[in-house]
Amino acid sequence: MAWKLAQSPGLDTLFAAPGNPGIAAVAKLVALDATDHAAVAAFCAERAIGLVVIGPEAPLVDGLADTLRAAGVPVFGPSAAAARLEGSKGFTKDLCARANIPTAGYVRVTTHAAAVAALEGTFGLPVVIKADGLAAGKGVTVAMTRDEAMAAVDALFAEPGGEAVIEEFLSGEEASLFVLTDGVAIAAFGSAQDHKRVGEGDTGPNTGGMGAYSPARVLTPALEAQAIDTIVRPTVAALREEGMPFVGVLYAGLMLTPQGPKLIEYNARFGDPETQVLMPRFQGDLVRLMLAVAEGRLAGEPAPAFSDDAALTVVVAAKGYPGTPAKGGAIRGIDAAESTGAVVFQAGTTQGVDGLVASGGRVLAVTAMGPSVAAAQAAAYAGVDALDVTDGFCRRDIGWREVAREQA
């Protein structure tokens, strides 16, 4: 996102907090703690900040947008009340029920006994078990057996205060739809398909995402219009009518079922690694567009334009992810990777004594574009192969479904 914001012609200075060595190439890093609202507001006042873009979900759920708006600072990002769309799975499911939004059947549970009762009396197998709160993309278990379901329930209720949503399993293909809104107007902002499982062939535990591609052509124009009309538009209207208008980007995770698109969940911000494939395809001025959203002027902006080319990104993660990832592994070859035509976005990186090293689970995202997903895939993996990341690994099959469809 910083990479794209830095390209906007109306931008004067871009600050990022906390940032990483990759973001430092396009923005000035500042030592701000997003949980210290007063410090963030003071920085904005001191520097006459004209727009704040809140990237991660935790500061949104914590109400940073509310604090800044109260201080008169334009913000791209929802209020704490509206951010509950991501912060509470139960809140979202209840909103869907009130607004007649198509989604999986569900039960909210707050005790281990209630969860077991729901598993035994309401849902068959497979079944989906979700932690109610923020879980960094890893709080979902798709249980294929009763043992897997019970293990997930046991883990969620290992300590007092656990809450969960238990859902029916939906069959179909997943796709992600992005829509900008200022609380009234809405504008479609592309589609993508993520690869959540850590292993090739979509095996192993869920992660925050091992790669993605855009557009998700399985989400046809007709299906996208249907999803906006039956899912996104009613959501925006319900939140506005209930006094918590949503300002920012709605990331709708969809299941394309035989009955039409159904909502799996919402994110209240751009996803990772979906942003890495949306931003290279977006052909407009991101600062201008986000400011229009923040100031309630989205209806006056032209529809966002995207390249016809596909974009694909491959996540290079540290050994052990999504469990306990290795840290401190050397990262070399970024210039070589980018010389192939790819763009290497940094995530879990820091500057070590002898150069760049890994500091988190997902370390890099290698992104490339092409006239087809297969071409973008080949270009992205050429970039990956030029890297040397100690203890790094990646999936080698990102985009496999769409590549197979192209070949067919």
Protein backbone atom coordinates (compact mmCIF):
# COMPACT_ATOMS: atom_id res chain seq x y z
CA MET A 1 0.00 0.00 0.00
CA ALA A 2 2.86 2.37 0.81
CA TRP A 3 4.41 1.51 -2.57
CA LYS A 4 1.22 2.56 -4.37
CA LEU A 5 0.53 5.63 -2.22
CA ALA A 6 4.07 6.86 -2.94
CA GLN A 7 3.21 6.96 -6.67
CA SER A 8 0.33 9.43 -6.24
CA PRO A 9 1.04 12.79 -7.93
CA GLY A 10 -0.71 14.75 -5.17
CA LEU A 11 1.45 13.28 -2.42
CA ASP A 12 3.87 15.59 -0.58
CA THR A 13 5.36 13.36 2.12
CA LEU A 14 4.48 9.81 3.08
CA PHE A 15 5.09 8.70 6.66
CA ALA A 16 4.76 5.09 7.85
CA ALA A 17 4.65 3.64 11.35
CA PRO A 18 6.27 1.37 12.23
CA GLY A 19 7.30 0.29 8.72
CA ASN A 20 10.15 -2.00 7.69
CA PRO A 21 13.24 -1.68 5.47
CA GLY A 22 11.14 -2.15 2.34
CA ILE A 23 8.65 0.56 3.26
CA ALA A 24 11.60 2.82 4.17
CA ALA A 25 12.47 2.92 0.47
CA VAL A 26 9.24 4.82 -0.31
CA ALA A 27 8.28 6.49 3.00
CA LYS A 28 9.73 8.16 6.06
CA LEU A 29 9.52 5.77 9.01
CA VAL A 30 8.36 7.18 12.33
CA ALA A 31 8.40 5.56 15.76
CA LEU A 32 4.71 5.73 16.61
CA ASP A 33 2.76 3.22 18.67
CA ALA A 34 -0.68 2.78 17.09
CA THR A 35 -2.13 2.00 20.52
CA ASP A 36 -1.06 5.47 21.77
CA HIS A 37 -3.86 7.44 20.17
CA ALA A 38 -2.79 10.74 21.69
CA ALA A 39 0.71 10.41 20.24
CA VAL A 40 -0.63 9.60 16.78
CA ALA A 41 -3.04 12.54 16.91
CA ALA A 42 -0.26 14.86 18.10
CA PHE A 43 1.99 13.75 15.24
CA CYS A 44 -0.80 14.44 12.75
CA ALA A 45 -1.34 17.92 14.18
CA GLU A 46 2.37 18.72 14.25
CA ARG A 47 2.93 17.62 10.64
CA ALA A 48 -0.42 18.88 9.27
CA ILE A 49 -1.25 15.40 8.00
CA GLY A 50 -3.90 15.49 5.27
CA LEU A 51 -4.84 11.78 5.27
CA VAL A 52 -4.24 8.81 7.52
CA VAL A 53 -4.56 5.30 6.07
CA ILE A 54 -4.90 2.66 8.79
CA GLY A 55 -3.61 -0.60 7.36
CA PRO A 56 -3.87 -3.32 10.06
CA GLU A 57 -7.06 -4.52 11.70
CA ALA A 58 -6.02 -4.16 15.36
CA PRO A 59 -5.82 -0.32 15.38
CA LEU A 60 -9.19 -0.17 13.60
CA VAL A 61 -10.88 -2.38 16.17
CA ASP A 62 -9.12 -0.32 18.87
CA GLY A 63 -10.78 2.88 17.60
CA LEU A 64 -7.80 4.80 16.23
CA ALA A 65 -9.95 6.10 13.36
CA ASP A 66 -12.45 7.54 15.86
CA THR A 67 -9.71 9.40 17.75
CA LEU A 68 -8.26 10.91 14.59
CA ARG A 69 -11.64 11.92 13.16
CA ALA A 70 -12.46 13.63 16.45
CA ALA A 71 -9.23 15.59 15.98
CA GLY A 72 -10.29 16.65 12.48
CA VAL A 73 -7.95 14.35 10.55
CA PRO A 74 -9.33 12.63 7.43
CA VAL A 75 -9.05 8.85 7.87
CA PHE A 76 -9.35 5.94 5.46
CA GLY A 77 -10.60 3.20 7.76
CA PRO A 78 -13.76 2.40 9.71
CA SER A 79 -14.73 3.35 13.23
CA ALA A 80 -14.34 0.85 16.05
CA ALA A 81 -18.07 0.11 15.87
CA ALA A 82 -18.00 -0.63 12.13
CA ALA A 83 -14.68 -2.51 12.38
CA ARG A 84 -16.50 -5.15 14.41
CA LEU A 85 -17.28 -6.64 11.00
CA GLU A 86 -13.78 -8.07 11.30
CA GLY A 87 -13.28 -7.89 15.04
CA SER A 88 -16.22 -10.16 15.86
CA LYS A 89 -17.37 -13.04 13.68
CA GLY A 90 -20.54 -13.21 15.77
CA PHE A 91 -21.34 -9.53 15.17
CA THR A 92 -21.08 -10.06 11.43
CA LYS A 93 -23.19 -13.21 11.43
CA ASP A 94 -25.90 -11.48 13.46
CA LEU A 95 -25.86 -8.52 11.06
CA CYS A 96 -26.25 -10.94 8.16
CA ALA A 97 -29.27 -12.46 9.89
CA ARG A 98 -30.86 -9.05 10.46
CA ALA A 99 -30.22 -7.83 6.89
CA ASN A 100 -31.04 -11.15 5.16
CA ILE A 101 -27.53 -11.43 3.72
CA PRO A 102 -26.71 -14.89 2.33
CA THR A 103 -24.17 -16.68 4.53
CA ALA A 104 -23.62 -20.05 6.16
CA GLY A 105 -25.91 -21.21 8.92
CA TYR A 106 -24.31 -20.63 12.32
CA VAL A 107 -24.47 -20.83 16.09
CA ARG A 108 -22.66 -18.46 18.47
CA VAL A 109 -21.25 -20.20 21.54
CA THR A 110 -19.59 -18.90 24.70
CA THR A 111 -18.93 -22.15 26.56
CA HIS A 112 -17.27 -25.46 25.81
CA ALA A 113 -20.51 -27.31 26.55
CA ALA A 114 -22.50 -25.15 24.13
CA ALA A 115 -19.90 -25.73 21.43
CA VAL A 116 -20.05 -29.49 21.90
CA ALA A 117 -23.84 -29.39 21.82
CA ALA A 118 -23.76 -27.43 18.54
CA LEU A 119 -21.37 -29.92 17.00
CA GLU A 120 -23.47 -32.88 18.06
CA GLY A 121 -26.95 -31.51 17.55
CA THR A 122 -26.84 -28.84 14.85
CA PHE A 123 -24.09 -29.50 12.32
CA GLY A 124 -22.75 -32.55 10.60
CA LEU A 125 -19.27 -32.96 9.18
CA PRO A 126 -17.35 -31.21 7.83
CA VAL A 127 -17.93 -28.18 10.05
CA VAL A 128 -16.28 -24.77 10.37
CA ILE A 129 -15.17 -23.44 13.77
CA LYS A 130 -14.08 -19.80 14.10
CA ALA A 131 -12.64 -17.85 16.99
CA ASP A 132 -14.90 -14.85 17.51
CA GLY A 133 -12.17 -12.20 17.79
CA LEU A 134 -9.13 -11.16 15.80
CA ALA A 135 -6.84 -14.06 14.96
CA ALA A 136 -4.50 -12.71 12.24
CA GLY A 137 -6.14 -14.89 9.60
CA LYS A 138 -5.47 -18.11 11.52
CA GLY A 139 -8.49 -18.50 13.81
CA VAL A 140 -10.48 -20.77 11.51
CA THR A 141 -10.63 -24.56 11.54
CA VAL A 142 -12.36 -26.53 8.80
CA ALA A 143 -12.85 -29.81 10.64
CA MET A 144 -13.29 -32.87 8.48
CA THR A 145 -13.59 -35.28 11.43
CA ARG A 146 -15.10 -35.13 14.89
CA ASP A 147 -11.65 -35.39 16.44
CA GLU A 148 -10.52 -32.29 14.52
CA ALA A 149 -13.65 -30.43 15.56
CA MET A 150 -13.21 -31.32 19.22
CA ALA A 151 -9.55 -30.34 19.15
CA ALA A 152 -10.50 -26.91 17.78
CA VAL A 153 -13.21 -26.45 20.42
CA ASP A 154 -10.85 -27.57 23.19
CA ALA A 155 -8.25 -25.04 22.05
CA LEU A 156 -10.74 -22.16 21.84
CA PHE A 157 -12.14 -22.82 25.29
CA ALA A 158 -8.91 -23.79 27.02
CA GLU A 159 -9.21 -20.61 29.07
CA PRO A 160 -12.28 -18.78 30.41
CA GLY A 161 -13.84 -16.12 28.20
CA GLY A 162 -13.62 -17.92 24.87
CA GLU A 163 -16.20 -17.21 22.21
CA ALA A 164 -16.70 -18.93 18.88
CA VAL A 165 -18.94 -19.21 15.87
CA ILE A 166 -19.71 -22.69 14.56
CA GLU A 167 -20.88 -22.74 10.95
CA GLU A 168 -22.17 -25.11 8.36
CA PHE A 169 -19.59 -26.09 5.76
CA LEU A 170 -20.17 -24.42 2.39
CA SER A 171 -19.15 -26.15 -0.83
CA GLY A 172 -17.77 -24.16 -3.72
CA GLU A 173 -14.80 -22.04 -4.69
CA GLU A 174 -13.68 -19.05 -2.64
CA ALA A 175 -13.04 -15.58 -4.03
CA SER A 176 -12.33 -12.21 -2.48
CA LEU A 177 -14.18 -9.05 -3.51
CA PHE A 178 -13.00 -5.57 -2.53
CA VAL A 179 -15.34 -2.59 -2.37
CA LEU A 180 -14.59 0.98 -1.28
CA THR A 181 -17.29 2.90 0.56
CA ASP A 182 -17.70 6.21 2.33
CA GLY A 183 -20.73 4.88 4.17
CA VAL A 184 -23.14 5.74 1.35
CA ALA A 185 -21.56 5.34 -2.10
CA ILE A 186 -19.72 2.15 -3.04
CA ALA A 187 -17.12 1.38 -5.72
CA ALA A 188 -15.85 -2.06 -6.68
CA PHE A 189 -12.07 -2.32 -6.24
CA GLY A 190 -11.07 -5.61 -7.81
CA SER A 191 -11.05 -9.27 -6.89
CA ALA A 192 -8.48 -11.86 -5.90
CA GLN A 193 -8.04 -15.45 -4.79
CA ASP A 194 -5.88 -16.23 -1.77
CA HIS A 195 -4.17 -19.50 -0.85
CA LYS A 196 -4.64 -19.95 2.90
CA ARG A 197 -3.24 -23.42 3.49
CA VAL A 198 0.46 -23.66 4.14
CA GLY A 199 1.05 -26.66 1.87
CA GLU A 200 0.82 -27.26 -1.84
CA GLY A 201 -2.47 -28.59 -3.09
CA ASP A 202 -4.16 -26.58 -0.33
CA THR A 203 -3.03 -28.88 2.47
CA GLY A 204 -1.93 -28.27 6.05
CA PRO A 205 -3.03 -25.59 8.54
CA ASN A 206 -4.48 -22.22 7.64
CA THR A 207 -2.11 -19.25 7.42
CA GLY A 208 -2.51 -15.54 6.85
CA GLY A 209 -2.03 -16.33 3.15
CA MET A 210 0.74 -17.98 1.12
CA GLY A 211 0.03 -16.20 -2.15
CA ALA A 212 -2.72 -14.72 -4.29
CA TYR A 213 -3.65 -13.66 -7.79
CA SER A 214 -5.94 -11.04 -9.30
CA PRO A 215 -8.40 -10.87 -10.89
CA ALA A 216 -10.40 -13.86 -9.69
CA ARG A 217 -12.06 -14.62 -13.01
CA VAL A 218 -14.25 -17.26 -11.39
CA LEU A 219 -16.03 -14.24 -9.88
CA THR A 220 -17.60 -13.24 -13.18
CA PRO A 221 -19.05 -9.75 -13.72
CA ALA A 222 -22.53 -11.19 -13.16
CA LEU A 223 -21.52 -12.90 -9.91
CA GLU A 224 -19.70 -9.77 -8.74
CA ALA A 225 -22.81 -7.67 -9.36
CA GLN A 226 -24.90 -10.24 -7.50
CA ALA A 227 -22.50 -10.21 -4.53
CA ILE A 228 -22.56 -6.42 -4.38
CA ASP A 229 -26.36 -6.29 -4.55
CA THR A 230 -27.09 -9.12 -2.08
CA ILE A 231 -24.13 -8.88 0.31
CA VAL A 232 -22.11 -5.65 0.20
CA ARG A 233 -24.83 -3.06 -0.42
CA PRO A 234 -27.12 -4.43 2.34
CA THR A 235 -24.15 -4.46 4.73
CA VAL A 236 -23.28 -0.82 4.03
CA ALA A 237 -26.94 0.18 4.37
CA ALA A 238 -27.43 -1.73 7.64
CA LEU A 239 -24.36 -0.21 9.26
CA ARG A 240 -25.39 3.28 8.18
CA GLU A 241 -28.93 2.80 9.44
CA GLU A 242 -27.61 1.50 12.77
CA GLY A 243 -25.47 4.60 13.27
CA MET A 244 -22.05 3.19 12.40
CA PRO A 245 -21.35 4.05 8.75
CA PHE A 246 -18.44 2.10 7.30
CA VAL A 247 -15.67 4.27 5.78
CA GLY A 248 -12.83 2.44 4.05
CA VAL A 249 -12.54 -0.85 2.21
CA LEU A 250 -14.80 -3.83 2.70
CA TYR A 251 -13.01 -7.07 1.88
CA ALA A 252 -15.70 -9.69 1.38
CA GLY A 253 -14.59 -13.30 1.49
CA LEU A 254 -17.10 -15.14 -0.66
CA MET A 255 -18.01 -18.76 -1.29
CA LEU A 256 -19.40 -19.28 -4.77
CA THR A 257 -22.08 -21.87 -4.10
CA PRO A 258 -24.65 -23.41 -6.47
CA GLN A 259 -27.16 -21.01 -4.85
CA GLY A 260 -24.97 -17.96 -5.60
CA PRO A 261 -22.32 -16.04 -3.65
CA LYS A 262 -22.46 -16.36 0.14
CA LEU A 263 -20.45 -14.35 2.65
CA ILE A 264 -17.77 -16.27 4.52
CA GLU A 265 -16.41 -13.29 6.45
CA TYR A 266 -15.46 -9.64 6.17
CA ASN A 267 -12.14 -7.95 6.65
CA ALA A 268 -12.26 -4.24 7.46
CA ARG A 269 -9.03 -3.46 5.59
CA PHE A 270 -7.04 -4.56 2.57
CA GLY A 271 -5.86 -8.13 2.96
CA ASP A 272 -2.38 -9.56 2.86
CA PRO A 273 -1.31 -10.92 0.35
CA GLU A 274 -4.26 -9.65 -1.70
CA THR A 275 -3.05 -6.05 -1.56
CA GLN A 276 0.16 -7.11 -3.31
CA VAL A 277 -1.83 -8.15 -6.39
CA LEU A 278 -4.48 -5.41 -6.31
CA MET A 279 -2.14 -2.42 -6.11
CA PRO A 280 0.03 -3.29 -9.15
CA ARG A 281 -3.15 -3.64 -11.25
CA PHE A 282 -4.80 -0.42 -9.99
CA GLN A 283 -4.20 2.37 -12.49
CA GLY A 284 -5.45 5.38 -10.57
CA ASP A 285 -4.32 7.85 -7.92
CA LEU A 286 -4.68 6.00 -4.62
CA VAL A 287 -4.25 9.09 -2.41
CA ARG A 288 -6.98 10.96 -4.27
CA LEU A 289 -9.35 7.99 -4.12
CA MET A 290 -8.78 7.26 -0.43
CA LEU A 291 -9.19 10.94 0.44
CA ALA A 292 -12.51 11.00 -1.43
CA VAL A 293 -13.62 8.02 0.69
CA ALA A 294 -12.44 9.68 3.91
CA GLU A 295 -14.25 12.93 3.08
CA GLY A 296 -17.50 11.37 1.88
CA ARG A 297 -16.97 12.30 -1.77
CA LEU A 298 -16.70 8.85 -3.34
CA ALA A 299 -19.81 9.33 -5.51
CA GLY A 300 -17.99 12.11 -7.38
CA GLU A 301 -15.00 9.96 -8.33
CA PRO A 302 -14.76 7.89 -11.53
CA ALA A 303 -14.90 4.11 -11.11
CA PRO A 304 -11.48 2.66 -10.18
CA ALA A 305 -9.61 1.39 -13.25
CA PHE A 306 -7.45 -1.72 -13.36
CA SER A 307 -5.02 -3.25 -15.83
CA ASP A 308 -6.35 -6.12 -17.90
CA ASP A 309 -3.18 -8.04 -17.01
CA ALA A 310 -3.17 -10.53 -14.16
CA ALA A 311 -0.98 -10.15 -11.09
CA LEU A 312 0.28 -13.01 -8.93
CA THR A 313 2.25 -12.94 -5.68
CA VAL A 314 4.16 -15.72 -3.92
CA VAL A 315 4.82 -15.45 -0.19
CA VAL A 316 8.23 -16.52 1.04
CA ALA A 317 7.77 -17.54 4.67
CA ALA A 318 10.18 -18.53 7.43
CA LYS A 319 10.59 -22.18 8.35
CA GLY A 320 8.08 -23.15 11.02
CA TYR A 321 5.31 -20.80 9.86
CA PRO A 322 2.42 -20.70 10.74
CA GLY A 323 3.57 -22.19 14.04
CA THR A 324 6.80 -20.82 15.51
CA PRO A 325 8.76 -19.32 12.60
CA ALA A 326 12.52 -19.11 12.51
CA LYS A 327 13.94 -15.60 12.85
CA GLY A 328 17.22 -14.04 11.84
CA GLY A 329 17.62 -15.84 8.53
CA ALA A 330 19.62 -13.88 5.96
CA ILE A 331 17.79 -12.39 2.96
CA ARG A 332 19.77 -11.91 -0.23
CA GLY A 333 19.01 -11.43 -3.89
CA ILE A 334 16.20 -8.85 -3.83
CA ASP A 335 17.89 -6.79 -6.57
CA ALA A 336 18.37 -9.94 -8.63
CA ALA A 337 14.72 -10.88 -8.16
CA GLU A 338 13.52 -7.44 -9.23
CA SER A 339 15.81 -7.52 -12.27
CA THR A 340 13.55 -10.30 -13.58
CA GLY A 341 10.63 -7.88 -13.63
CA ALA A 342 9.09 -8.89 -10.31
CA VAL A 343 8.45 -6.55 -7.39
CA VAL A 344 9.58 -7.82 -3.98
CA PHE A 345 7.41 -6.49 -1.16
CA GLN A 346 8.86 -6.83 2.32
CA ALA A 347 6.81 -7.98 5.31
CA GLY A 348 8.66 -9.69 8.17
CA THR A 349 12.06 -8.09 7.62
CA THR A 350 14.51 -6.05 9.65
CA GLN A 351 17.98 -4.65 9.13
CA GLY A 352 20.56 -6.90 10.78
CA VAL A 353 24.24 -6.28 11.41
CA ASP A 354 25.25 -7.90 8.12
CA GLY A 355 22.19 -7.05 6.05
CA LEU A 356 18.51 -7.81 5.76
CA VAL A 357 17.15 -10.63 7.93
CA ALA A 358 13.80 -12.28 8.58
CA SER A 359 11.85 -11.05 11.59
CA GLY A 360 8.45 -12.67 11.10
CA GLY A 361 6.55 -15.60 9.67
CA ARG A 362 5.75 -14.17 6.25
CA VAL A 363 8.96 -12.53 5.09
CA LEU A 364 8.56 -11.45 1.47
CA ALA A 365 5.89 -11.34 -1.23
CA VAL A 366 7.22 -11.64 -4.78
CA THR A 367 4.76 -10.14 -7.25
CA ALA A 368 4.67 -10.12 -11.04
CA MET A 369 2.20 -9.32 -13.81
CA GLY A 370 1.43 -10.93 -17.15
CA PRO A 371 -1.25 -11.27 -19.82
CA SER A 372 -2.48 -14.44 -18.11
CA VAL A 373 -2.26 -15.95 -14.64
CA ALA A 374 0.12 -18.57 -16.05
CA ALA A 375 2.42 -15.83 -17.37
CA ALA A 376 2.27 -13.90 -14.09
CA GLN A 377 2.95 -17.13 -12.20
CA ALA A 378 6.04 -17.90 -14.28
CA ALA A 379 7.35 -14.36 -13.80
CA ALA A 380 6.75 -14.41 -10.04
CA TYR A 381 8.54 -17.72 -9.58
CA ALA A 382 11.45 -16.45 -11.68
CA GLY A 383 11.75 -13.72 -9.06
CA VAL A 384 11.46 -16.21 -6.22
CA ASP A 385 14.19 -18.39 -7.71
CA ALA A 386 16.56 -15.41 -7.80
CA LEU A 387 16.25 -14.98 -4.03
CA ASP A 388 18.35 -16.56 -1.30
CA VAL A 389 16.40 -16.63 1.97
CA THR A 390 17.91 -18.71 4.76
CA ASP A 391 15.20 -20.93 6.29
CA GLY A 392 12.73 -19.60 3.73
CA PHE A 393 10.11 -21.63 1.91
CA CYS A 394 7.16 -21.05 -0.39
CA ARG A 395 4.36 -22.90 -2.11
CA ARG A 396 5.15 -23.71 -5.73
CA ASP A 397 1.55 -23.89 -6.91
CA ILE A 398 0.10 -20.41 -6.35
CA GLY A 399 -2.58 -19.80 -8.95
CA TRP A 400 -2.97 -23.47 -9.81
CA ARG A 401 -6.74 -23.45 -10.22
CA GLU A 402 -6.79 -20.53 -12.64
CA VAL A 403 -3.76 -21.83 -14.56
CA ALA A 404 -5.58 -25.14 -15.04
CA ARG A 405 -8.66 -23.28 -16.30
CA GLU A 406 -6.53 -21.25 -18.71
CA GLN A 407 -4.88 -24.39 -20.06
CA ALA A 408 -8.25 -26.07 -20.50
